[in-house]
């Protein structure tokens, strides 16, 4: 079970543009600042605040930057086109816990988790039919924990607030963080199962009540009963559908954490029931959380896509892959990166607009988890078949935004691998193209070193940095130095991948 003793929030800010299960987009009015929930409406506002905070933390704020793009600078996904030293140092893989852009995404991720547990308590107290909502809060806590376990160094503290008192958490290893993620995913699955079972009963009751009887003498009463049964059925169908989506969300989060732990067979089992087409999305609006991939790359040109960064990066641009539409500018008046000292043309991504929703957990990831389990067992034929099924299912490709054209459809990869090492590289390449700039790449690069014994220099960009000097040796993100205010934290326990 999850402990709540150090999890509370002093001030919870919620707003209207929020993330959604599946592909549905939820619309709510903008509530005021919520200090504590004392009603059903307050509990719902807390839940909505978690969804907004998640979208902002991942891809909805800048200066400091959101997590997806800032963590992507350490990898081969993004290059800094900026003058800010914080972005340049991150791109150069300079290990710097005092980087002032590092603290904000770290705090925001933890706030999602803390507010999520506050919402769970409020929903349980004030919203009796909220099993599916409670399940979603548990799943998102697990999601944030898996991100922190993948991307930050060993020794990550999780603190909270009780009343007005800060409760400092001890440093946790990456593996302990993954354990928390699995535990919260399990809690989400339990809540989802309870919701599906309860609402299936309510739907069956409603169907029975809606069986047309002989015309009653009291037509008004019959009409009222019919309306009541229809309302019960509609509410049950909606909640059950939400619970099923929560089940898929939690299953993939659980499978992801198990892969990070090297428990590949268990991970494959965890995601087996997730549909290929499942998507859990964060949504964006120009009001409260513009899509920062678009804002920083397409608009401000402070980030640019990069091809074969540091000699070992993937060819995200020249591959012309339909999963990653992009375009390199050619007009020196409008298409140079922001840093005028380096007259490079910006390469813009073509997946997300300023309000484009971002799929953060998908059925595609579930299939990739299963494929990796097959590769681990030596069943290379089945692994390649799984990879090729995804590649050749064009309905899974993202839709290019206006002004961009997808590359040609992918064909099947032939089984001409010289070694298992080349299969492993191909697997991580497929993951990188399917899940570009969604917080997966840095964790995957660490896994390539930790689980597959690749040398860091063969995975991480290296050599001479394009703005001068050499690349550094950061393999992950440091816990920000601001956490030294926590008396239990003295710095990362180690920098092992």
Protein backbone atom coordinates (compact mmCIF):
# COMPACT_ATOMS: atom_id res chain seq x y z
CA UNK A 1 0.00 0.00 0.00
CA UNK A 2 1.07 3.60 -0.56
CA UNK A 3 1.91 5.73 2.43
CA UNK A 4 0.49 9.25 2.62
CA UNK A 5 2.32 10.47 5.70
CA UNK A 6 4.55 12.87 3.78
CA UNK A 7 2.21 13.69 0.94
CA UNK A 8 0.07 16.82 1.08
CA UNK A 9 -0.04 20.15 -0.66
CA UNK A 10 -0.25 23.62 0.79
CA UNK A 11 -1.65 25.32 -2.29
CA UNK A 12 -3.01 23.47 -5.31
CA UNK A 13 -3.45 25.46 -8.50
CA UNK A 14 -5.79 24.02 -11.08
CA UNK A 15 -6.93 25.22 -14.45
CA UNK A 16 -9.01 24.19 -17.39
CA UNK A 17 -6.88 22.61 -20.11
CA UNK A 18 -6.05 19.13 -18.94
CA UNK A 19 -4.77 15.77 -20.12
CA UNK A 20 -7.12 12.99 -21.08
CA UNK A 21 -7.30 9.23 -21.07
CA UNK A 22 -7.53 7.60 -24.45
CA UNK A 23 -7.92 10.23 -27.16
CA UNK A 24 -10.73 12.16 -25.49
CA UNK A 25 -10.12 15.82 -24.65
CA UNK A 26 -11.64 16.95 -21.37
CA UNK A 27 -12.99 20.47 -21.06
CA UNK A 28 -13.59 22.06 -17.66
CA UNK A 29 -14.05 25.58 -16.40
CA UNK A 30 -11.16 27.33 -14.69
CA UNK A 31 -11.52 26.94 -10.92
CA UNK A 32 -9.82 29.19 -8.43
CA UNK A 33 -6.82 28.24 -6.32
CA UNK A 34 -7.76 25.27 -4.16
CA UNK A 35 -6.18 25.14 -0.71
CA UNK A 36 -7.98 21.99 0.39
CA UNK A 37 -10.96 20.02 -0.81
CA UNK A 38 -14.06 20.13 1.39
CA UNK A 39 -16.60 19.14 -1.25
CA UNK A 40 -17.07 16.99 -4.31
CA UNK A 41 -16.39 20.00 -6.54
CA UNK A 42 -13.16 20.72 -4.65
CA UNK A 43 -12.04 17.11 -5.06
CA UNK A 44 -12.69 17.24 -8.80
CA UNK A 45 -10.75 20.50 -8.99
CA UNK A 46 -7.81 18.83 -7.28
CA UNK A 47 -7.92 16.03 -9.83
CA UNK A 48 -8.09 18.50 -12.70
CA UNK A 49 -5.14 20.34 -11.20
CA UNK A 50 -3.07 17.16 -11.35
CA UNK A 51 -3.83 16.82 -15.06
CA UNK A 52 -2.84 20.42 -15.76
CA UNK A 53 0.32 20.14 -13.64
CA UNK A 54 1.29 16.99 -15.52
CA UNK A 55 0.90 18.68 -18.92
CA UNK A 56 2.85 21.72 -17.74
CA UNK A 57 5.65 19.69 -16.19
CA UNK A 58 6.13 17.48 -19.23
CA UNK A 59 5.69 19.87 -22.13
CA UNK A 60 3.81 23.03 -21.15
CA UNK A 61 6.18 25.58 -19.57
CA UNK A 62 9.45 27.23 -20.51
CA UNK A 63 12.12 29.39 -18.89
CA UNK A 64 12.96 27.02 -17.16
CA UNK A 65 11.94 24.41 -19.68
CA UNK A 66 9.52 21.52 -19.50
CA UNK A 67 10.83 18.03 -18.90
CA UNK A 68 10.49 16.44 -22.34
CA UNK A 69 12.58 18.96 -24.24
CA UNK A 70 15.09 19.69 -21.47
CA UNK A 71 15.86 16.01 -20.82
CA UNK A 72 16.04 15.52 -24.59
CA UNK A 73 19.02 17.88 -24.77
CA UNK A 74 21.16 15.30 -22.93
CA UNK A 75 20.29 12.81 -25.65
CA UNK A 76 20.56 12.90 -29.44
CA UNK A 77 17.00 14.19 -29.89
CA UNK A 78 17.58 17.93 -29.55
CA UNK A 79 20.38 20.47 -30.02
CA UNK A 80 20.46 23.86 -28.33
CA UNK A 81 19.99 26.66 -30.82
CA UNK A 82 20.01 29.14 -27.97
CA UNK A 83 22.29 31.61 -26.22
CA UNK A 84 21.27 30.53 -22.71
CA UNK A 85 24.17 28.74 -21.05
CA UNK A 86 21.74 26.48 -19.17
CA UNK A 87 20.48 24.93 -22.41
CA UNK A 88 23.94 24.84 -23.98
CA UNK A 89 25.46 23.06 -20.98
CA UNK A 90 22.63 20.53 -20.91
CA UNK A 91 23.14 19.85 -24.62
CA UNK A 92 26.90 19.53 -24.07
CA UNK A 93 26.27 16.92 -21.37
CA UNK A 94 28.00 18.99 -18.70
CA UNK A 95 27.21 17.60 -15.26
CA UNK A 96 25.95 20.61 -13.29
CA UNK A 97 23.53 20.25 -10.36
CA UNK A 98 23.51 24.08 -10.13
CA UNK A 99 22.07 24.50 -13.64
CA UNK A 100 19.14 26.79 -12.84
CA UNK A 101 16.95 25.26 -15.55
CA UNK A 102 17.19 21.84 -13.90
CA UNK A 103 15.26 22.62 -10.73
CA UNK A 104 11.91 23.50 -12.28
CA UNK A 105 11.10 20.27 -14.15
CA UNK A 106 12.22 18.30 -11.09
CA UNK A 107 9.90 20.26 -8.80
CA UNK A 108 7.00 20.10 -11.21
CA UNK A 109 7.23 16.34 -11.55
CA UNK A 110 7.18 15.93 -7.80
CA UNK A 111 4.21 18.30 -7.50
CA UNK A 112 2.19 16.07 -9.82
CA UNK A 113 2.81 13.17 -7.48
CA UNK A 114 2.11 15.11 -4.29
CA UNK A 115 -1.07 16.70 -5.57
CA UNK A 116 -2.17 13.36 -6.97
CA UNK A 117 -2.19 11.83 -3.52
CA UNK A 118 -4.04 14.84 -2.12
CA UNK A 119 -6.63 14.33 -4.86
CA UNK A 120 -6.94 10.63 -4.00
CA UNK A 121 -7.80 11.45 -0.40
CA UNK A 122 -10.33 14.08 -1.43
CA UNK A 123 -11.98 11.92 -4.08
CA UNK A 124 -12.38 9.04 -1.66
CA UNK A 125 -13.94 11.33 0.91
CA UNK A 126 -16.27 13.40 -1.24
CA UNK A 127 -16.89 11.57 -4.54
CA UNK A 128 -18.22 8.06 -3.83
CA UNK A 129 -18.26 6.90 -7.47
CA UNK A 130 -14.66 7.93 -8.15
CA UNK A 131 -12.85 4.59 -8.33
CA UNK A 132 -11.80 5.30 -11.92
CA UNK A 133 -10.55 8.78 -10.97
CA UNK A 134 -8.61 7.45 -7.98
CA UNK A 135 -7.09 4.84 -10.27
CA UNK A 136 -5.95 7.52 -12.68
CA UNK A 137 -4.26 9.48 -9.88
CA UNK A 138 -2.37 6.36 -8.77
CA UNK A 139 -1.34 5.63 -12.37
CA UNK A 140 -0.03 9.16 -12.92
CA UNK A 141 1.93 9.01 -9.66
CA UNK A 142 3.52 5.81 -10.97
CA UNK A 143 4.21 7.47 -14.30
CA UNK A 144 6.03 10.41 -12.69
CA UNK A 145 8.03 8.03 -10.50
CA UNK A 146 9.19 5.98 -13.48
CA UNK A 147 10.32 9.19 -15.21
CA UNK A 148 12.31 10.23 -12.15
CA UNK A 149 13.81 6.77 -11.77
CA UNK A 150 14.90 6.71 -15.41
CA UNK A 151 16.21 10.24 -15.83
CA UNK A 152 17.79 11.34 -12.54
CA UNK A 153 20.78 10.03 -10.64
CA UNK A 154 20.64 7.54 -7.81
CA UNK A 155 19.70 9.37 -4.63
CA UNK A 156 16.50 11.17 -5.58
CA UNK A 157 14.59 12.51 -2.54
CA UNK A 158 10.80 12.78 -2.56
CA UNK A 159 9.53 15.36 -0.08
CA UNK A 160 6.05 16.61 0.72
CA UNK A 161 4.04 18.97 2.88
CA UNK A 162 1.79 18.14 5.82
CA UNK A 163 -0.32 21.15 6.65
CA UNK A 164 2.26 23.92 6.39
CA UNK A 165 5.23 21.74 7.37
CA UNK A 166 7.69 20.42 4.82
CA UNK A 167 8.38 16.72 5.36
CA UNK A 168 11.76 15.87 3.87
CA UNK A 169 12.11 12.51 2.17
CA UNK A 170 15.33 10.48 2.13
CA UNK A 171 17.32 9.91 -1.07
CA UNK A 172 16.02 6.96 -3.09
CA UNK A 173 17.92 4.80 -5.53
CA UNK A 174 16.58 4.54 -9.06
CA UNK A 175 15.48 0.99 -8.30
CA UNK A 176 13.55 2.13 -5.22
CA UNK A 177 11.84 4.79 -7.32
CA UNK A 178 10.86 2.13 -9.85
CA UNK A 179 9.50 0.04 -6.99
CA UNK A 180 7.25 2.94 -5.96
CA UNK A 181 6.07 3.25 -9.54
CA UNK A 182 5.14 -0.43 -9.69
CA UNK A 183 3.32 -0.23 -6.35
CA UNK A 184 1.26 2.78 -7.46
CA UNK A 185 0.53 1.15 -10.81
CA UNK A 186 -0.74 -1.90 -8.93
CA UNK A 187 -3.00 0.36 -6.87
CA UNK A 188 -4.30 1.92 -10.08
CA UNK A 189 -5.04 -1.51 -11.53
CA UNK A 190 -6.92 -2.49 -8.38
CA UNK A 191 -9.08 0.64 -8.53
CA UNK A 192 -9.75 0.13 -12.23
CA UNK A 193 -10.82 -3.48 -11.68
CA UNK A 194 -13.19 -2.46 -8.88
CA UNK A 195 -14.68 0.25 -11.07
CA UNK A 196 -15.22 -2.08 -14.04
CA UNK A 197 -16.88 -4.69 -11.82
CA UNK A 198 -19.14 -2.19 -10.03
CA UNK A 199 -20.20 -0.33 -13.14
CA UNK A 200 -20.83 -3.54 -15.07
CA UNK A 201 -23.37 -4.46 -12.39
CA UNK A 202 -24.98 -1.02 -12.56
CA UNK A 203 -25.17 -1.19 -16.35
CA UNK A 204 -26.81 -4.63 -16.18
CA UNK A 205 -29.33 -3.33 -13.64
CA UNK A 206 -30.13 -0.41 -15.90
CA UNK A 207 -30.53 -2.67 -18.93
CA UNK A 208 -32.97 -4.80 -16.94
CA UNK A 209 -34.91 -1.74 -15.87
CA UNK A 210 -35.04 -0.46 -19.44
CA UNK A 211 -36.67 -3.67 -20.74
CA UNK A 212 -39.89 -2.33 -22.25
CA UNK A 213 -42.88 -3.37 -20.10
CA UNK A 214 -46.48 -3.31 -21.25
CA UNK A 215 -47.71 0.28 -21.52
CA UNK A 216 -48.21 1.33 -17.90
CA UNK A 217 -51.19 3.14 -16.61
CA UNK A 218 -48.93 5.70 -14.94
CA UNK A 219 -46.99 6.98 -17.95
CA UNK A 220 -45.37 9.78 -15.97
CA UNK A 221 -43.86 7.33 -13.50
CA UNK A 222 -42.75 5.07 -16.34
CA UNK A 223 -41.04 8.01 -18.05
CA UNK A 224 -39.29 8.99 -14.80
CA UNK A 225 -38.09 5.44 -14.20
CA UNK A 226 -36.84 5.18 -17.78
CA UNK A 227 -34.92 8.43 -17.45
CA UNK A 228 -33.37 7.24 -14.19
CA UNK A 229 -32.26 3.92 -15.67
CA UNK A 230 -30.85 5.64 -18.74
CA UNK A 231 -28.89 8.07 -16.57
CA UNK A 232 -27.53 5.19 -14.51
CA UNK A 233 -26.54 3.30 -17.64
CA UNK A 234 -24.87 6.26 -19.31
CA UNK A 235 -22.89 7.11 -16.18
CA UNK A 236 -21.85 3.49 -15.74
CA UNK A 237 -20.72 3.17 -19.35
CA UNK A 238 -18.68 6.37 -19.06
CA UNK A 239 -17.01 5.35 -15.78
CA UNK A 240 -16.33 1.81 -17.01
CA UNK A 241 -14.76 3.15 -20.20
CA UNK A 242 -12.55 5.48 -18.17
CA UNK A 243 -11.56 2.61 -15.88
CA UNK A 244 -10.58 0.45 -18.86
CA UNK A 245 -8.36 3.26 -20.13
CA UNK A 246 -6.84 3.64 -16.67
CA UNK A 247 -6.10 -0.08 -16.75
CA UNK A 248 -4.17 0.32 -20.00
CA UNK A 249 -2.34 3.38 -18.68
CA UNK A 250 -1.27 1.65 -15.48
CA UNK A 251 -0.34 -1.53 -17.32
CA UNK A 252 2.12 0.25 -19.59
CA UNK A 253 3.59 2.28 -16.73
CA UNK A 254 4.06 -0.94 -14.78
CA UNK A 255 5.61 -2.68 -17.78
CA UNK A 256 7.96 0.24 -18.35
CA UNK A 257 9.22 0.13 -14.75
CA UNK A 258 9.70 -3.64 -14.97
CA UNK A 259 11.76 -3.25 -18.15
CA UNK A 260 13.91 -0.68 -16.36
CA UNK A 261 14.47 -3.30 -13.66
CA UNK A 262 15.40 -5.93 -16.24
CA UNK A 263 12.28 -8.03 -15.54
CA UNK A 264 11.38 -8.45 -19.19
CA UNK A 265 9.03 -11.43 -19.02
CA UNK A 266 6.98 -9.80 -16.25
CA UNK A 267 6.90 -6.58 -18.24
CA UNK A 268 5.57 -8.35 -21.34
CA UNK A 269 2.85 -9.98 -19.25
CA UNK A 270 1.90 -6.63 -17.70
CA UNK A 271 1.16 -4.99 -21.07
CA UNK A 272 -0.37 -7.97 -22.89
CA UNK A 273 -3.96 -6.67 -22.79
CA UNK A 274 -3.21 -3.11 -23.93
CA UNK A 275 -4.64 -2.37 -27.41
CA UNK A 276 -2.22 -1.28 -30.14
CA UNK A 277 -4.18 1.94 -30.63
CA UNK A 278 -4.27 3.00 -26.98
CA UNK A 279 -3.08 6.54 -26.27
CA UNK A 280 -2.92 8.50 -23.05
CA UNK A 281 -2.41 12.12 -23.98
CA UNK A 282 -1.57 15.40 -22.35
CA UNK A 283 -3.33 18.30 -24.02
CA UNK A 284 -2.24 21.86 -24.61
CA UNK A 285 -3.86 25.25 -25.05
CA UNK A 286 -2.60 28.73 -25.78
CA UNK A 287 -4.16 29.88 -22.51
CA UNK A 288 -2.33 27.87 -19.88
CA UNK A 289 0.21 25.47 -21.38
CA UNK A 290 1.28 25.90 -24.99
CA UNK A 291 3.01 22.87 -26.46
CA UNK A 292 6.64 23.71 -25.73
CA UNK A 293 8.11 21.42 -28.35
CA UNK A 294 6.43 23.62 -30.94
CA UNK A 295 7.12 26.86 -29.06
CA UNK A 296 10.85 26.31 -28.51
CA UNK A 297 11.62 24.49 -31.76
CA UNK A 298 9.21 25.57 -34.49
CA UNK A 299 8.57 29.09 -33.26
CA UNK A 300 11.47 30.43 -31.17
CA UNK A 301 14.17 28.26 -32.82
CA UNK A 302 15.93 27.89 -29.46
CA UNK A 303 15.86 24.11 -29.95
CA UNK A 304 16.56 22.34 -33.22
CA UNK A 305 16.40 18.72 -34.27
CA UNK A 306 19.79 17.18 -34.91
CA UNK A 307 21.16 14.44 -37.15
CA UNK A 308 23.76 11.97 -35.88
CA UNK A 309 24.74 14.22 -32.98
CA UNK A 310 28.26 13.69 -31.71
CA UNK A 311 28.96 11.04 -34.33
CA UNK A 312 26.83 8.36 -32.65
CA UNK A 313 23.36 9.92 -32.54
CA UNK A 314 20.50 8.64 -34.66
CA UNK A 315 19.70 10.13 -38.06
CA UNK A 316 16.44 11.66 -36.94
CA UNK A 317 16.46 14.15 -39.85
CA UNK A 318 17.99 12.38 -42.85
CA UNK A 319 16.06 9.15 -42.25
CA UNK A 320 12.94 10.90 -43.60
CA UNK A 321 10.98 8.55 -41.38
CA UNK A 322 7.15 8.87 -41.50
CA UNK A 323 7.04 8.60 -37.71
CA UNK A 324 9.00 11.84 -37.43
CA UNK A 325 8.07 14.40 -40.09
CA UNK A 326 10.46 17.35 -40.11
CA UNK A 327 11.73 20.13 -42.32
CA UNK A 328 15.01 22.04 -42.37
CA UNK A 329 14.70 25.75 -43.11
CA UNK A 330 16.48 27.46 -46.00
CA UNK A 331 15.66 31.16 -45.60
CA UNK A 332 18.43 33.01 -43.72
CA UNK A 333 15.93 35.70 -42.74
CA UNK A 334 13.52 33.37 -40.94
CA UNK A 335 15.10 29.95 -40.50
CA UNK A 336 18.39 30.37 -38.63
CA UNK A 337 18.63 29.16 -35.03
CA UNK A 338 18.18 31.80 -32.34
CA UNK A 339 21.91 31.98 -31.52
CA UNK A 340 23.17 34.23 -34.31
CA UNK A 341 26.81 33.37 -33.51
CA UNK A 342 26.20 29.99 -35.13
CA UNK A 343 24.40 30.44 -38.46
CA UNK A 344 22.76 27.03 -38.63
CA UNK A 345 19.39 26.44 -40.23
CA UNK A 346 16.78 25.17 -37.80
CA UNK A 347 15.17 21.78 -38.35
CA UNK A 348 11.57 21.82 -37.16
CA UNK A 349 9.52 18.81 -36.08
CA UNK A 350 6.19 18.24 -37.81
CA UNK A 351 4.19 16.23 -35.27
CA UNK A 352 2.85 18.84 -32.83
CA UNK A 353 1.31 22.27 -33.28
CA UNK A 354 1.13 24.89 -30.52
CA UNK A 355 -1.96 23.14 -29.14
CA UNK A 356 -1.13 19.61 -30.26
CA UNK A 357 -1.81 16.79 -27.82
CA UNK A 358 1.17 14.57 -26.92
CA UNK A 359 0.77 10.82 -26.46
CA UNK A 360 2.84 9.95 -23.39
CA UNK A 361 1.77 6.31 -22.89
CA UNK A 362 0.72 4.17 -25.84
CA UNK A 363 -0.13 0.73 -27.09
CA UNK A 364 2.88 1.06 -29.37
CA UNK A 365 5.08 1.15 -26.29
CA UNK A 366 3.30 -1.95 -25.00
CA UNK A 367 4.18 -3.83 -28.20
CA UNK A 368 7.79 -2.65 -28.01
CA UNK A 369 8.00 -3.93 -24.43
CA UNK A 370 6.73 -7.32 -25.57
CA UNK A 371 9.17 -7.33 -28.49
CA UNK A 372 12.11 -6.64 -26.18
CA UNK A 373 11.10 -9.57 -23.99
CA UNK A 374 11.22 -11.78 -27.09
CA UNK A 375 14.67 -10.45 -27.97
CA UNK A 376 15.83 -11.20 -24.42
CA UNK A 377 14.79 -14.84 -24.76
CA UNK A 378 16.59 -15.24 -28.07
CA UNK A 379 13.40 -15.53 -30.11
CA UNK A 380 14.75 -13.18 -32.75
CA UNK A 381 12.27 -14.17 -35.44
CA UNK A 382 9.27 -13.29 -33.26
CA UNK A 383 11.00 -10.09 -32.13
CA UNK A 384 11.53 -8.96 -35.72
CA UNK A 385 7.97 -9.91 -36.66
CA UNK A 386 6.66 -7.72 -33.83
CA UNK A 387 8.86 -4.81 -34.89
CA UNK A 388 7.80 -5.14 -38.52
CA UNK A 389 4.10 -5.38 -37.66
CA UNK A 390 4.36 -1.96 -36.02
CA UNK A 391 6.44 -0.49 -38.85
CA UNK A 392 4.03 -1.58 -41.57
CA UNK A 393 0.83 -0.58 -39.75
CA UNK A 394 0.53 2.89 -41.25
CA UNK A 395 -2.50 3.77 -39.13
CA UNK A 396 -0.11 4.04 -36.17
CA UNK A 397 1.97 6.79 -37.79
CA UNK A 398 1.43 10.30 -36.45
CA UNK A 399 -0.40 12.82 -38.59
CA UNK A 400 1.89 15.55 -39.90
CA UNK A 401 0.84 19.09 -39.00
CA UNK A 402 0.14 21.69 -41.66
CA UNK A 403 3.21 22.51 -43.73
CA UNK A 404 4.94 19.18 -43.18
CA UNK A 405 4.92 15.96 -45.19
CA UNK A 406 5.56 12.50 -43.84
CA UNK A 407 8.28 10.38 -45.39
CA UNK A 408 7.39 7.25 -47.35
CA UNK A 409 5.78 4.34 -45.55
CA UNK A 410 8.18 1.97 -43.84
CA UNK A 411 8.90 -1.49 -45.10
CA UNK A 412 9.75 -4.59 -43.13
CA UNK A 413 13.31 -4.94 -41.86
CA UNK A 414 15.05 -7.96 -43.39
CA UNK A 415 16.68 -10.47 -41.06
CA UNK A 416 20.24 -9.76 -42.14
CA UNK A 417 21.64 -8.86 -38.73
CA UNK A 418 25.29 -9.65 -38.25
CA UNK A 419 24.96 -10.07 -34.50
CA UNK A 420 22.62 -9.70 -31.56
CA UNK A 421 24.28 -6.36 -30.86
CA UNK A 422 22.93 -5.02 -34.16
CA UNK A 423 19.46 -6.30 -33.24
CA UNK A 424 19.67 -4.48 -29.93
CA UNK A 425 20.66 -1.25 -31.64
CA UNK A 426 17.79 -1.66 -34.08
CA UNK A 427 15.36 -2.20 -31.21
CA UNK A 428 16.38 1.00 -29.45
CA UNK A 429 16.30 2.86 -32.75
CA UNK A 430 12.70 1.76 -33.27
CA UNK A 431 11.82 2.94 -29.77
CA UNK A 432 13.49 6.31 -30.45
CA UNK A 433 11.53 6.97 -33.64
CA UNK A 434 8.20 5.77 -32.28
CA UNK A 435 8.48 7.75 -29.03
CA UNK A 436 10.52 10.79 -30.02
CA UNK A 437 10.68 13.59 -27.43
CA UNK A 438 8.28 11.94 -24.99
CA UNK A 439 10.69 11.32 -22.13
CA UNK A 440 11.84 7.84 -23.19
CA UNK A 441 15.19 8.38 -24.89
CA UNK A 442 17.44 9.22 -21.92
CA UNK A 443 16.18 6.23 -19.93
CA UNK A 444 16.76 4.03 -22.99
CA UNK A 445 20.31 5.30 -23.44
CA UNK A 446 21.03 4.53 -19.80
CA UNK A 447 19.59 1.04 -20.29
CA UNK A 448 21.79 0.46 -23.33
CA UNK A 449 24.80 1.01 -21.08
CA UNK A 450 23.45 -0.64 -17.93
CA UNK A 451 21.58 -3.64 -19.31
CA UNK A 452 23.22 -4.25 -22.69
CA UNK A 453 26.85 -3.29 -21.91
CA UNK A 454 27.21 -0.69 -24.65
CA UNK A 455 30.05 1.73 -24.00
CA UNK A 456 28.77 5.22 -23.15
CA UNK A 457 30.81 6.75 -25.98
CA UNK A 458 28.96 4.52 -28.45
CA UNK A 459 25.56 5.71 -27.23
CA UNK A 460 25.88 9.32 -26.02
CA UNK A 461 26.99 12.21 -28.26
CA UNK A 462 30.69 12.93 -27.83
CA UNK A 463 33.72 14.58 -29.34
CA UNK A 464 33.80 18.31 -30.07
CA UNK A 465 30.66 20.28 -29.23
CA UNK A 466 29.51 22.46 -32.13
CA UNK A 467 29.76 25.63 -30.02
CA UNK A 468 33.27 24.82 -28.86
CA UNK A 469 34.88 22.58 -26.26
CA UNK A 470 34.29 18.89 -25.71
CA UNK A 471 31.13 17.09 -24.73
CA UNK A 472 30.91 16.28 -21.04
CA UNK A 473 30.21 12.92 -19.41
CA UNK A 474 26.69 13.25 -18.01
CA UNK A 475 24.68 10.05 -18.51
CA UNK A 476 21.57 11.30 -16.71
CA UNK A 477 20.22 14.43 -15.07
CA UNK A 478 21.45 15.46 -11.61
CA UNK A 479 19.15 16.12 -8.70
CA UNK A 480 19.16 19.95 -8.60
CA UNK A 481 21.33 21.63 -5.98
CA UNK A 482 18.23 23.31 -4.51
CA UNK A 483 17.43 19.94 -2.93
CA UNK A 484 20.38 20.49 -0.58
CA UNK A 485 17.84 22.38 1.54
CA UNK A 486 16.66 18.89 2.42
CA UNK A 487 18.83 17.90 5.43
CA UNK A 488 18.70 14.22 4.38
CA UNK A 489 20.17 14.95 0.95
CA UNK A 490 23.86 15.65 0.35
CA UNK A 491 24.00 14.99 -3.38
CA UNK A 492 23.64 12.09 -5.77
CA UNK A 493 24.61 8.73 -4.30
CA UNK A 494 26.39 7.88 -7.55
CA UNK A 495 26.23 8.52 -11.29
CA UNK A 496 25.90 4.90 -12.38
CA UNK A 497 23.78 4.40 -15.49
